Amino acid sequence: MAIMIKTRGEIEKMRRSGKAVWQVLEEVRSKVVPGATTMDLETAAEKMIADMGAKSAFKGYNGFPCVLCTSVNSEVVHGIPSARRVLREGDIVSVDCGVILDGFYGDSAVTIPVGSKVQPGVRKLLDVTQASLEQAIQEAQVGSSLGDIGAAVQEMVEAAGFSVVRDFVGHGIGVKMHEDPQIPNYGRRGQGVKLKAGMVLAIEPMVNAGAAEVKVLQDGWTAVTVDGSLSAHFEHTVAVTEEGPLVLTR
């Protein structure tokens, strides 16, 4: 495993790519309304990325056709935007976006409720998943271990009665979208790689309301819960620094 340590200057560049991702996701969030299609979100994001002078990290990656992953309800990750996929009141949509700016990647995801009528159980799923990400970020300290990050997610999610997806994990990020190490959303405290200043991690809890099992549909991309339960996904790109974790995608 070759973990790339970034200089302060490189982290500063990654902060720019991270901010670009944040801006795209904020723009997309404003477009998530009943009656919109996931292709509407894609079109807005693609224009904004081009206007920024950035490049999509996703489009063309292993043949993926779009700049966003849009995963609705029981879709966990890697959903493909479509003009036929209409968002309805009460749905949830996970939007994952990555860009390349000055040769460095930024990657972030958010799950957004559609409309104003959010069921309490759905709100709890979103809140717990987002809180588990924040808890994991707090563990991204010099001297901590990858197991501390995974355990922080797993403990919070399972205490709430939800389950952690195990088939997909977070990852190192920098001049490539996926660098070492892999970052599971489960684990044992104190286990695994020790964190050093200059590591940059994409931490991304994927949490199912029901069982953890997922399967990939015939399109070769879209992962869904096997039991049809809802799934939420939140992600930030985080630098490990001597001063503590620095979130680059806010």
C-alpha atoms as a PDB file:
ATOM      1  CA  MET A   1       0.000   0.000   0.000  1.00  0.00           C
ATOM      2  CA  ALA A   2       1.462   3.345  -1.090  1.00  0.00           C
ATOM      3  CA  ILE A   3      -0.214   6.182   0.798  1.00  0.00           C
ATOM      4  CA  MET A   4       0.528   9.586  -0.705  1.00  0.00           C
ATOM      5  CA  ILE A   5       1.402  12.307   1.803  1.00  0.00           C
ATOM      6  CA  LYS A   6       0.400  15.768   0.575  1.00  0.00           C
ATOM      7  CA  THR A   7       2.322  18.982   1.241  1.00  0.00           C
ATOM      8  CA  ARG A   8       0.529  22.047   2.634  1.00  0.00           C
ATOM      9  CA  GLY A   9       0.606  23.525  -0.873  1.00  0.00           C
ATOM     10  CA  GLU A  10      -1.040  20.436  -2.333  1.00  0.00           C
ATOM     11  CA  ILE A  11      -3.692  20.453   0.391  1.00  0.00           C
ATOM     12  CA  GLU A  12      -4.367  24.105  -0.478  1.00  0.00           C
ATOM     13  CA  LYS A  13      -4.950  23.062  -4.115  1.00  0.00           C
ATOM     14  CA  MET A  14      -7.250  20.284  -2.898  1.00  0.00           C
ATOM     15  CA  ARG A  15      -9.141  22.857  -0.860  1.00  0.00           C
ATOM     16  CA  ARG A  16      -9.910  24.667  -4.137  1.00  0.00           C
ATOM     17  CA  SER A  17     -11.165  21.508  -5.856  1.00  0.00           C
ATOM     18  CA  GLY A  18     -13.112  20.666  -2.688  1.00  0.00           C
ATOM     19  CA  LYS A  19     -14.753  24.084  -2.628  1.00  0.00           C
ATOM     20  CA  ALA A  20     -15.745  23.656  -6.287  1.00  0.00           C
ATOM     21  CA  VAL A  21     -17.486  20.369  -5.432  1.00  0.00           C
ATOM     22  CA  TRP A  22     -19.265  22.041  -2.508  1.00  0.00           C
ATOM     23  CA  GLN A  23     -20.512  24.819  -4.809  1.00  0.00           C
ATOM     24  CA  VAL A  24     -21.833  22.304  -7.348  1.00  0.00           C
ATOM     25  CA  LEU A  25     -23.666  20.345  -4.642  1.00  0.00           C
ATOM     26  CA  GLU A  26     -25.232  23.552  -3.265  1.00  0.00           C
ATOM     27  CA  GLU A  27     -26.460  24.427  -6.781  1.00  0.00           C
ATOM     28  CA  VAL A  28     -27.852  20.908  -7.247  1.00  0.00           C
ATOM     29  CA  ARG A  29     -29.562  21.036  -3.843  1.00  0.00           C
ATOM     30  CA  SER A  30     -31.568  24.062  -5.013  1.00  0.00           C
ATOM     31  CA  LYS A  31     -32.818  22.022  -7.990  1.00  0.00           C
ATOM     32  CA  VAL A  32     -34.036  19.047  -5.932  1.00  0.00           C
ATOM     33  CA  VAL A  33     -37.805  19.624  -6.044  1.00  0.00           C
ATOM     34  CA  PRO A  34     -40.813  17.415  -6.811  1.00  0.00           C
ATOM     35  CA  GLY A  35     -41.150  17.044 -10.594  1.00  0.00           C
ATOM     36  CA  ALA A  36     -37.459  17.544 -11.372  1.00  0.00           C
ATOM     37  CA  THR A  37     -35.614  14.699 -13.071  1.00  0.00           C
ATOM     38  CA  THR A  38     -32.200  13.426 -12.070  1.00  0.00           C
ATOM     39  CA  MET A  39     -31.057  14.557 -15.537  1.00  0.00           C
ATOM     40  CA  ASP A  40     -32.052  18.122 -14.576  1.00  0.00           C
ATOM     41  CA  LEU A  41     -29.553  17.870 -11.707  1.00  0.00           C
ATOM     42  CA  GLU A  42     -26.917  16.457 -14.046  1.00  0.00           C
ATOM     43  CA  THR A  43     -27.381  19.253 -16.614  1.00  0.00           C
ATOM     44  CA  ALA A  44     -27.012  21.964 -13.949  1.00  0.00           C
ATOM     45  CA  ALA A  45     -23.904  20.312 -12.477  1.00  0.00           C
ATOM     46  CA  GLU A  46     -22.246  19.748 -15.843  1.00  0.00           C
ATOM     47  CA  LYS A  47     -22.692  23.409 -16.816  1.00  0.00           C
ATOM     48  CA  MET A  48     -21.371  24.644 -13.492  1.00  0.00           C
ATOM     49  CA  ILE A  49     -18.272  22.405 -13.589  1.00  0.00           C
ATOM     50  CA  ALA A  50     -17.489  23.662 -17.117  1.00  0.00           C
ATOM     51  CA  ASP A  51     -18.063  27.303 -16.100  1.00  0.00           C
ATOM     52  CA  MET A  52     -15.560  26.877 -13.250  1.00  0.00           C
ATOM     53  CA  GLY A  53     -12.884  25.622 -15.620  1.00  0.00           C
ATOM     54  CA  ALA A  54     -12.867  22.314 -13.743  1.00  0.00           C
ATOM     55  CA  LYS A  55     -13.212  18.793 -15.095  1.00  0.00           C
ATOM     56  CA  SER A  56     -15.598  16.072 -13.950  1.00  0.00           C
ATOM     57  CA  ALA A  57     -13.912  13.313 -11.967  1.00  0.00           C
ATOM     58  CA  PHE A  58     -16.731  10.859 -12.729  1.00  0.00           C
ATOM     59  CA  LYS A  59     -17.658  11.253 -16.402  1.00  0.00           C
ATOM     60  CA  GLY A  60     -15.688   8.685 -18.368  1.00  0.00           C
ATOM     61  CA  TYR A  61     -14.291   7.045 -15.203  1.00  0.00           C
ATOM     62  CA  ASN A  62     -14.325   3.342 -16.141  1.00  0.00           C
ATOM     63  CA  GLY A  63     -17.008   4.333 -18.668  1.00  0.00           C
ATOM     64  CA  PHE A  64     -19.379   6.095 -16.246  1.00  0.00           C
ATOM     65  CA  PRO A  65     -21.571   8.350 -18.446  1.00  0.00           C
ATOM     66  CA  CYS A  66     -22.288  11.355 -16.188  1.00  0.00           C
ATOM     67  CA  VAL A  67     -20.753  14.012 -13.917  1.00  0.00           C
ATOM     68  CA  LEU A  68     -23.064  13.119 -11.006  1.00  0.00           C
ATOM     69  CA  CYS A  69     -24.145   9.912  -9.340  1.00  0.00           C
ATOM     70  CA  THR A  70     -27.837  10.320  -8.418  1.00  0.00           C
ATOM     71  CA  SER A  71     -29.159   7.484  -6.253  1.00  0.00           C
ATOM     72  CA  VAL A  72     -32.853   7.606  -5.320  1.00  0.00           C
ATOM     73  CA  ASN A  73     -34.480   5.894  -2.309  1.00  0.00           C
ATOM     74  CA  SER A  74     -33.234   2.273  -2.208  1.00  0.00           C
ATOM     75  CA  GLU A  75     -30.342   3.074  -4.577  1.00  0.00           C
ATOM     76  CA  VAL A  76     -27.169   3.160  -2.479  1.00  0.00           C
ATOM     77  CA  VAL A  77     -24.536   4.611  -4.818  1.00  0.00           C
ATOM     78  CA  HIS A  78     -23.597   5.084  -8.493  1.00  0.00           C
ATOM     79  CA  GLY A  79     -27.105   5.777  -9.795  1.00  0.00           C
ATOM     80  CA  ILE A  80     -27.041   7.153 -13.355  1.00  0.00           C
ATOM     81  CA  PRO A  81     -28.973  10.399 -14.025  1.00  0.00           C
ATOM     82  CA  SER A  82     -31.918   9.973 -16.394  1.00  0.00           C
ATOM     83  CA  ALA A  83     -34.568  12.198 -17.969  1.00  0.00           C
ATOM     84  CA  ARG A  84     -37.058   9.425 -17.111  1.00  0.00           C
ATOM     85  CA  ARG A  85     -36.301   9.455 -13.374  1.00  0.00           C
ATOM     86  CA  VAL A  86     -38.716  11.980 -11.880  1.00  0.00           C
ATOM     87  CA  LEU A  87     -38.263  12.992  -8.238  1.00  0.00           C
ATOM     88  CA  ARG A  88     -41.422  12.839  -6.149  1.00  0.00           C
ATOM     89  CA  GLU A  89     -42.452  14.381  -2.823  1.00  0.00           C
ATOM     90  CA  GLY A  90     -41.056  12.186  -0.039  1.00  0.00           C
ATOM     91  CA  ASP A  91     -38.199  10.672  -2.067  1.00  0.00           C
ATOM     92  CA  ILE A  92     -34.584  11.017  -1.019  1.00  0.00           C
ATOM     93  CA  VAL A  93     -31.770  11.437  -3.538  1.00  0.00           C
ATOM     94  CA  SER A  94     -28.083  10.926  -2.835  1.00  0.00           C
ATOM     95  CA  VAL A  95     -25.947  13.173  -5.038  1.00  0.00           C
ATOM     96  CA  ASP A  96     -22.238  12.355  -5.350  1.00  0.00           C
ATOM     97  CA  CYS A  97     -19.916  14.701  -7.253  1.00  0.00           C
ATOM     98  CA  GLY A  98     -16.191  14.835  -7.970  1.00  0.00           C
ATOM     99  CA  VAL A  99     -14.106  17.390  -9.848  1.00  0.00           C
ATOM    100  CA  ILE A 100     -10.495  17.842 -10.924  1.00  0.00           C
ATOM    101  CA  LEU A 101      -8.981  21.320 -10.589  1.00  0.00           C
ATOM    102  CA  ASP A 102      -5.255  22.053 -10.999  1.00  0.00           C
ATOM    103  CA  GLY A 103      -4.608  18.308 -11.198  1.00  0.00           C
ATOM    104  CA  PHE A 104      -6.189  17.512  -7.815  1.00  0.00           C
ATOM    105  CA  TYR A 105      -9.467  15.781  -7.013  1.00  0.00           C
ATOM    106  CA  GLY A 106     -12.322  16.788  -4.720  1.00  0.00           C
ATOM    107  CA  ASP A 107     -15.141  14.368  -3.865  1.00  0.00           C
ATOM    108  CA  SER A 108     -18.278  14.840  -1.769  1.00  0.00           C
ATOM    109  CA  ALA A 109     -21.812  13.486  -1.447  1.00  0.00           C
ATOM    110  CA  VAL A 110     -25.037  14.523   0.240  1.00  0.00           C
ATOM    111  CA  THR A 111     -28.480  12.937   0.562  1.00  0.00           C
ATOM    112  CA  ILE A 112     -31.300  15.414  -0.001  1.00  0.00           C
ATOM    113  CA  PRO A 113     -35.002  14.972   0.822  1.00  0.00           C
ATOM    114  CA  VAL A 114     -37.403  15.866  -1.996  1.00  0.00           C
ATOM    115  CA  GLY A 115     -40.112  18.316  -0.961  1.00  0.00           C
ATOM    116  CA  SER A 116     -41.061  19.370   2.560  1.00  0.00           C
ATOM    117  CA  LYS A 117     -42.894  16.277   3.798  1.00  0.00           C
ATOM    118  CA  VAL A 118     -40.053  14.210   5.292  1.00  0.00           C
ATOM    119  CA  GLN A 119     -41.217  11.176   7.284  1.00  0.00           C
ATOM    120  CA  PRO A 120     -39.666  10.989  10.800  1.00  0.00           C
ATOM    121  CA  GLY A 121     -37.964   7.648  10.022  1.00  0.00           C
ATOM    122  CA  VAL A 122     -36.444   9.089   6.860  1.00  0.00           C
ATOM    123  CA  ARG A 123     -35.259  12.208   8.705  1.00  0.00           C
ATOM    124  CA  LYS A 124     -33.647   9.958  11.323  1.00  0.00           C
ATOM    125  CA  LEU A 125     -31.797   7.980   8.628  1.00  0.00           C
ATOM    126  CA  LEU A 126     -30.415  11.177   7.080  1.00  0.00           C
ATOM    127  CA  ASP A 127     -29.509  12.726  10.437  1.00  0.00           C
ATOM    128  CA  VAL A 128     -27.751   9.620  11.735  1.00  0.00           C
ATOM    129  CA  THR A 129     -25.789   9.104   8.511  1.00  0.00           C
ATOM    130  CA  GLN A 130     -24.660  12.735   8.464  1.00  0.00           C
ATOM    131  CA  ALA A 131     -23.797  12.644  12.183  1.00  0.00           C
ATOM    132  CA  SER A 132     -21.777   9.448  11.679  1.00  0.00           C
ATOM    133  CA  LEU A 133     -19.724  11.256   9.020  1.00  0.00           C
ATOM    134  CA  GLU A 134     -19.074  14.157  11.413  1.00  0.00           C
ATOM    135  CA  GLN A 135     -18.076  11.683  14.133  1.00  0.00           C
ATOM    136  CA  ALA A 136     -15.695   9.915  11.706  1.00  0.00           C
ATOM    137  CA  ILE A 137     -14.141  13.235  10.671  1.00  0.00           C
ATOM    138  CA  GLN A 138     -13.324  13.958  14.333  1.00  0.00           C
ATOM    139  CA  GLU A 139     -11.313  10.698  14.382  1.00  0.00           C
ATOM    140  CA  ALA A 140      -9.123  11.845  11.436  1.00  0.00           C
ATOM    141  CA  GLN A 141      -6.322  12.919  13.795  1.00  0.00           C
ATOM    142  CA  VAL A 142      -2.579  12.364  13.595  1.00  0.00           C
ATOM    143  CA  GLY A 143      -1.866   9.106  15.460  1.00  0.00           C
ATOM    144  CA  SER A 144      -5.390   7.726  15.178  1.00  0.00           C
ATOM    145  CA  SER A 145      -6.043   4.647  13.048  1.00  0.00           C
ATOM    146  CA  LEU A 146      -8.352   3.821  10.150  1.00  0.00           C
ATOM    147  CA  GLY A 147     -10.176   1.495  12.538  1.00  0.00           C
ATOM    148  CA  ASP A 148     -11.089   4.504  14.683  1.00  0.00           C
ATOM    149  CA  ILE A 149     -12.812   6.125  11.683  1.00  0.00           C
ATOM    150  CA  GLY A 150     -14.727   2.985  10.724  1.00  0.00           C
ATOM    151  CA  ALA A 151     -15.713   2.253  14.324  1.00  0.00           C
ATOM    152  CA  ALA A 152     -17.032   5.801  14.809  1.00  0.00           C
ATOM    153  CA  VAL A 153     -19.440   5.303  11.883  1.00  0.00           C
ATOM    154  CA  GLN A 154     -20.418   1.746  12.791  1.00  0.00           C
ATOM    155  CA  GLU A 155     -21.081   2.476  16.471  1.00  0.00           C
ATOM    156  CA  MET A 156     -23.395   5.404  15.778  1.00  0.00           C
ATOM    157  CA  VAL A 157     -25.241   3.764  12.867  1.00  0.00           C
ATOM    158  CA  GLU A 158     -25.865   0.421  14.571  1.00  0.00           C
ATOM    159  CA  ALA A 159     -26.907   2.085  17.854  1.00  0.00           C
ATOM    160  CA  ALA A 160     -29.659   3.821  15.838  1.00  0.00           C
ATOM    161  CA  GLY A 161     -30.866   0.490  14.415  1.00  0.00           C
ATOM    162  CA  PHE A 162     -29.481   1.003  10.906  1.00  0.00           C
ATOM    163  CA  SER A 163     -26.799  -0.940   9.024  1.00  0.00           C
ATOM    164  CA  VAL A 164     -23.500   0.003   7.407  1.00  0.00           C
ATOM    165  CA  VAL A 165     -22.906  -0.958   3.771  1.00  0.00           C
ATOM    166  CA  ARG A 166     -19.776  -3.116   3.600  1.00  0.00           C
ATOM    167  CA  ASP A 167     -19.449  -3.592  -0.170  1.00  0.00           C
ATOM    168  CA  PHE A 168     -18.348   0.014  -0.767  1.00  0.00           C
ATOM    169  CA  VAL A 169     -15.782   2.013   1.198  1.00  0.00           C
ATOM    170  CA  GLY A 170     -14.149   5.418   1.388  1.00  0.00           C
ATOM    171  CA  HIS A 171     -10.684   6.003  -0.036  1.00  0.00           C
ATOM    172  CA  GLY A 172      -7.562   8.098  -0.153  1.00  0.00           C
ATOM    173  CA  ILE A 173      -7.723  10.904  -2.725  1.00  0.00           C
ATOM    174  CA  GLY A 174      -5.330  13.366  -4.348  1.00  0.00           C
ATOM    175  CA  VAL A 175      -3.951  13.304  -7.890  1.00  0.00           C
ATOM    176  CA  LYS A 176      -6.150  10.243  -8.460  1.00  0.00           C
ATOM    177  CA  MET A 177      -9.741   9.758  -7.429  1.00  0.00           C
ATOM    178  CA  HIS A 178      -9.047   6.507  -5.613  1.00  0.00           C
ATOM    179  CA  GLU A 179      -5.730   6.289  -3.776  1.00  0.00           C
ATOM    180  CA  ASP A 180      -4.662   4.114  -0.856  1.00  0.00           C
ATOM    181  CA  PRO A 181      -5.874   3.477   1.785  1.00  0.00           C
ATOM    182  CA  GLN A 182      -9.390   2.063   1.602  1.00  0.00           C
ATOM    183  CA  ILE A 183     -11.592   3.397   4.419  1.00  0.00           C
ATOM    184  CA  PRO A 184     -14.327   0.987   5.560  1.00  0.00           C
ATOM    185  CA  ASN A 185     -17.294   2.384   7.496  1.00  0.00           C
ATOM    186  CA  TYR A 186     -16.888  -0.343  10.103  1.00  0.00           C
ATOM    187  CA  GLY A 187     -13.941  -1.539  12.120  1.00  0.00           C
ATOM    188  CA  ARG A 188     -12.246  -1.846  15.475  1.00  0.00           C
ATOM    189  CA  ARG A 189     -10.680   1.055  17.295  1.00  0.00           C
ATOM    190  CA  GLY A 190      -6.897   1.077  17.216  1.00  0.00           C
ATOM    191  CA  GLN A 191      -6.747  -1.314  14.236  1.00  0.00           C
ATOM    192  CA  GLY A 192      -5.329  -0.615  10.785  1.00  0.00           C
ATOM    193  CA  VAL A 193      -3.128   2.061   9.270  1.00  0.00           C
ATOM    194  CA  LYS A 194      -2.018   4.879  11.582  1.00  0.00           C
ATOM    195  CA  LEU A 195      -2.905   8.347  10.301  1.00  0.00           C
ATOM    196  CA  LYS A 196      -0.183  10.861   9.501  1.00  0.00           C
ATOM    197  CA  ALA A 197      -0.273  14.575   8.708  1.00  0.00           C
ATOM    198  CA  GLY A 198      -0.696  15.073   4.951  1.00  0.00           C
ATOM    199  CA  MET A 199      -3.007  12.110   4.354  1.00  0.00           C
ATOM    200  CA  VAL A 200      -6.193  13.127   2.540  1.00  0.00           C
ATOM    201  CA  LEU A 201      -9.215  10.859   2.921  1.00  0.00           C
ATOM    202  CA  ALA A 202     -12.642  10.660   1.278  1.00  0.00           C
ATOM    203  CA  ILE A 203     -14.781   9.496   4.202  1.00  0.00           C
ATOM    204  CA  GLU A 204     -18.227   8.362   3.069  1.00  0.00           C
ATOM    205  CA  PRO A 205     -20.719   6.486   5.231  1.00  0.00           C
ATOM    206  CA  MET A 206     -23.354   4.599   3.235  1.00  0.00           C
ATOM    207  CA  VAL A 207     -26.156   3.564   5.569  1.00  0.00           C
ATOM    208  CA  ASN A 208     -29.211   1.387   4.973  1.00  0.00           C
ATOM    209  CA  ALA A 209     -32.471   1.625   6.915  1.00  0.00           C
ATOM    210  CA  GLY A 210     -32.760  -2.167   6.641  1.00  0.00           C
ATOM    211  CA  ALA A 211     -30.139  -4.873   6.080  1.00  0.00           C
ATOM    212  CA  ALA A 212     -26.586  -4.150   4.882  1.00  0.00           C
ATOM    213  CA  GLU A 213     -26.718  -6.297   1.728  1.00  0.00           C
ATOM    214  CA  VAL A 214     -26.581  -4.583  -1.657  1.00  0.00           C
ATOM    215  CA  LYS A 215     -26.590  -5.716  -5.287  1.00  0.00           C
ATOM    216  CA  VAL A 216     -25.616  -4.017  -8.554  1.00  0.00           C
ATOM    217  CA  LEU A 217     -28.301  -3.665 -11.245  1.00  0.00           C
ATOM    218  CA  GLN A 218     -27.959  -4.692 -14.896  1.00  0.00           C
ATOM    219  CA  ASP A 219     -26.604  -1.266 -15.896  1.00  0.00           C
ATOM    220  CA  GLY A 220     -23.379  -2.373 -14.182  1.00  0.00           C
ATOM    221  CA  TRP A 221     -23.330   0.697 -11.916  1.00  0.00           C
ATOM    222  CA  THR A 222     -26.402   1.293  -9.779  1.00  0.00           C
ATOM    223  CA  ALA A 223     -26.119  -0.416  -6.383  1.00  0.00           C
ATOM    224  CA  VAL A 224     -29.400  -0.994  -4.513  1.00  0.00           C
ATOM    225  CA  THR A 225     -30.395  -2.456  -1.164  1.00  0.00           C
ATOM    226  CA  VAL A 226     -31.347  -6.128  -1.527  1.00  0.00           C
ATOM    227  CA  ASP A 227     -34.350  -5.702   0.806  1.00  0.00           C
ATOM    228  CA  GLY A 228     -35.597  -2.508  -0.894  1.00  0.00           C
ATOM    229  CA  SER A 229     -34.975  -0.364   2.201  1.00  0.00           C
ATOM    230  CA  LEU A 230     -33.908   3.279   1.918  1.00  0.00           C
ATOM    231  CA  SER A 231     -30.217   4.192   1.837  1.00  0.00           C
ATOM    232  CA  ALA A 232     -28.362   7.424   2.659  1.00  0.00           C
ATOM    233  CA  HIS A 233     -24.846   8.565   1.678  1.00  0.00           C
ATOM    234  CA  PHE A 234     -22.795  11.513   2.931  1.00  0.00           C
ATOM    235  CA  GLU A 235     -19.142  12.188   2.046  1.00  0.00           C
ATOM    236  CA  HIS A 236     -16.424  14.758   2.654  1.00  0.00           C
ATOM    237  CA  THR A 237     -12.808  15.028   1.525  1.00  0.00           C
ATOM    238  CA  VAL A 238     -10.746  15.497   4.705  1.00  0.00           C
ATOM    239  CA  ALA A 239      -7.068  16.332   5.211  1.00  0.00           C
ATOM    240  CA  VAL A 240      -5.263  15.022   8.306  1.00  0.00           C
ATOM    241  CA  THR A 241      -3.179  17.921   9.700  1.00  0.00           C
ATOM    242  CA  GLU A 242      -1.162  18.595  12.847  1.00  0.00           C
ATOM    243  CA  GLU A 243      -3.935  21.032  13.830  1.00  0.00           C
ATOM    244  CA  GLY A 244      -6.643  18.385  13.417  1.00  0.00           C
ATOM    245  CA  PRO A 245      -8.977  17.311  10.603  1.00  0.00           C
ATOM    246  CA  LEU A 246      -9.511  19.862   7.818  1.00  0.00           C
ATOM    247  CA  VAL A 247     -12.685  19.361   5.748  1.00  0.00           C
ATOM    248  CA  LEU A 248     -11.855  20.431   2.179  1.00  0.00           C
ATOM    249  CA  THR A 249     -15.389  20.071   0.758  1.00  0.00           C
ATOM    250  CA  ARG A 250     -17.280  22.627   2.882  1.00  0.00           C
END
